[in-house]
Amino acid sequence: MLAFALGETASSEEFVALIKQGIDKDTSPDRFTTIDETIEYTDARGYPCVKYQGTAEDKKARIPLFKREPQKLQIYSLYCRHPTRPSLGFAIIFSHRGANLDPEVEQQGQDFISGVVVPLPVAPPNPNEGTGGN
């Protein structure tokens, strides 16, 4: 998991644009050529997130000389605004690199991401609750 500072946004569209801008900034065009990508807003976790899935050719992957096949990088990730610290973002990223695409990467990524839980704060107990009154 990766944490980062996150600016304010007024809508889900602005949030998606902000995350996309960060992804693009962190993806070197000298190293990666994007083959395909999808990016969409989701609030399935109860707080704002962006699901990103992409495939790129890694032009500078470190591979043995005898394996000079182009290397592909598949990414399945979730970028979210922290539920209790809105100026903090976090990313959960699952990836696969190799000469061949892994047809199971989406399912594996979903399984991995679903295992990462951000605990929400629990309200302190009410001292008057359960005591029968005064």
Protein backbone atom coordinates (compact mmCIF):
# COMPACT_ATOMS: atom_id res chain seq x y z
CA MET A 1 0.00 0.00 0.00
CA LEU A 2 1.20 3.48 -0.85
CA ALA A 3 0.13 6.70 0.93
CA PHE A 4 0.31 10.21 -0.56
CA ALA A 5 -0.96 13.77 -0.04
CA LEU A 6 -4.25 14.39 -1.81
CA GLY A 7 -5.79 17.72 -2.75
CA GLU A 8 -9.44 18.64 -2.41
CA THR A 9 -11.97 17.83 -5.12
CA ALA A 10 -15.57 18.98 -5.50
CA SER A 11 -16.96 16.02 -7.46
CA SER A 12 -16.30 12.41 -8.38
CA GLU A 13 -15.21 13.56 -11.86
CA GLU A 14 -12.61 15.91 -10.34
CA PHE A 15 -11.40 13.10 -8.07
CA VAL A 16 -10.95 10.74 -11.06
CA ALA A 17 -9.11 13.50 -12.97
CA LEU A 18 -6.81 14.14 -9.98
CA ILE A 19 -5.95 10.43 -9.65
CA LYS A 20 -5.41 10.09 -13.43
CA GLN A 21 -3.10 13.10 -13.36
CA GLY A 22 -1.03 11.47 -10.60
CA ILE A 23 -0.85 8.14 -12.44
CA ASP A 24 0.28 9.89 -15.63
CA LYS A 25 2.90 11.90 -13.72
CA ASP A 26 4.31 8.72 -12.16
CA THR A 27 4.41 6.78 -15.45
CA SER A 28 7.57 7.52 -17.44
CA PRO A 29 6.84 7.69 -21.19
CA ASP A 30 10.52 6.82 -21.78
CA ARG A 31 9.97 3.49 -20.07
CA PHE A 32 6.29 2.60 -20.60
CA THR A 33 4.00 2.59 -23.62
CA THR A 34 0.36 2.30 -22.59
CA ILE A 35 -1.49 -0.46 -24.42
CA ASP A 36 -4.85 0.01 -22.70
CA GLU A 37 -6.32 1.42 -19.50
CA THR A 38 -9.62 1.94 -17.75
CA ILE A 39 -10.28 4.28 -14.87
CA GLU A 40 -13.56 4.66 -13.00
CA TYR A 41 -14.95 6.11 -9.80
CA THR A 42 -16.35 3.84 -7.09
CA ASP A 43 -17.64 4.37 -3.59
CA ALA A 44 -18.20 0.66 -2.91
CA ARG A 45 -15.98 0.90 0.18
CA GLY A 46 -18.03 3.75 1.63
CA TYR A 47 -15.47 6.42 0.70
CA PRO A 48 -14.23 7.83 -2.62
CA CYS A 49 -12.02 5.54 -4.69
CA VAL A 50 -10.85 5.18 -8.26
CA LYS A 51 -10.34 1.76 -9.80
CA TYR A 52 -7.50 1.73 -12.34
CA GLN A 53 -6.67 -1.15 -14.64
CA GLY A 54 -3.98 -0.88 -17.29
CA THR A 55 -1.55 -2.72 -19.49
CA ALA A 56 1.71 -1.23 -20.74
CA GLU A 57 4.84 -2.36 -22.51
CA ASP A 58 7.89 -1.94 -20.26
CA LYS A 59 10.62 -0.85 -22.68
CA LYS A 60 13.34 -0.88 -20.02
CA ALA A 61 12.54 -4.03 -18.04
CA ARG A 62 15.59 -5.80 -16.67
CA ILE A 63 15.52 -9.19 -18.29
CA PRO A 64 18.20 -11.76 -19.16
CA LEU A 65 19.81 -11.35 -22.59
CA PHE A 66 18.46 -14.69 -23.76
CA LYS A 67 14.86 -13.59 -23.00
CA ARG A 68 14.58 -10.48 -25.14
CA GLU A 69 10.79 -10.65 -25.55
CA PRO A 70 8.90 -7.42 -24.91
CA GLN A 71 7.73 -7.28 -21.31
CA LYS A 72 4.19 -6.28 -20.47
CA LEU A 73 3.08 -4.81 -17.17
CA GLN A 74 -0.52 -5.38 -16.07
CA ILE A 75 -1.81 -3.27 -13.19
CA TYR A 76 -5.01 -3.63 -11.22
CA SER A 77 -5.30 -0.97 -8.51
CA LEU A 78 -7.52 1.07 -6.25
CA TYR A 79 -6.73 4.69 -5.31
CA CYS A 80 -8.78 6.08 -2.42
CA ARG A 81 -9.27 9.13 -0.25
CA HIS A 82 -8.72 8.06 3.36
CA PRO A 83 -12.09 7.81 5.12
CA THR A 84 -11.06 9.86 8.19
CA ARG A 85 -8.11 11.91 6.87
CA PRO A 86 -9.38 13.55 3.66
CA SER A 87 -6.01 15.12 2.78
CA LEU A 88 -4.47 11.63 2.63
CA GLY A 89 -4.78 9.27 -0.30
CA PHE A 90 -3.71 5.67 -0.53
CA ALA A 91 -3.23 3.17 -3.32
CA ILE A 92 -3.50 -0.60 -3.29
CA ILE A 93 -1.72 -1.96 -6.35
CA PHE A 94 -1.50 -5.48 -7.76
CA SER A 95 0.63 -6.09 -10.84
CA HIS A 96 1.98 -8.77 -13.14
CA ARG A 97 5.01 -8.44 -15.42
CA GLY A 98 6.01 -10.85 -18.15
CA ALA A 99 6.20 -11.56 -21.86
CA ASN A 100 2.66 -12.94 -21.78
CA LEU A 101 -0.48 -11.40 -20.35
CA ASP A 102 -2.02 -13.15 -17.34
CA PRO A 103 -5.74 -13.67 -18.00
CA GLU A 104 -6.32 -14.02 -14.23
CA VAL A 105 -4.78 -10.69 -13.22
CA GLU A 106 -8.12 -8.93 -12.70
CA GLN A 107 -9.47 -11.64 -10.38
CA GLN A 108 -6.15 -11.87 -8.53
CA GLY A 109 -6.08 -8.08 -8.18
CA GLN A 110 -9.63 -7.99 -6.84
CA ASP A 111 -8.81 -10.72 -4.32
CA PHE A 112 -5.66 -8.89 -3.20
CA ILE A 113 -7.39 -5.51 -2.88
CA SER A 114 -10.36 -6.93 -1.00
CA GLY A 115 -7.93 -8.22 1.64
CA VAL A 116 -6.73 -4.70 2.45
CA VAL A 117 -8.99 -3.09 5.03
CA VAL A 118 -8.78 0.48 6.30
CA PRO A 119 -10.21 0.47 9.80
CA LEU A 120 -12.84 3.10 10.41
CA PRO A 121 -12.90 4.83 13.80
CA VAL A 122 -15.21 3.35 16.38
CA ALA A 123 -17.31 5.75 18.46
CA PRO A 124 -16.36 5.70 22.12
CA PRO A 125 -18.89 3.90 24.31
CA ASN A 126 -21.62 6.01 25.84
CA PRO A 127 -21.07 5.90 29.63
CA ASN A 128 -24.85 6.19 30.26
CA GLU A 129 -25.74 3.35 27.91
CA GLY A 130 -26.66 0.07 29.53
CA THR A 131 -26.52 1.38 33.12
CA GLY A 132 -30.25 1.76 33.57
CA GLY A 133 -30.26 5.55 33.71
CA ASN A 134 -28.76 8.33 35.78
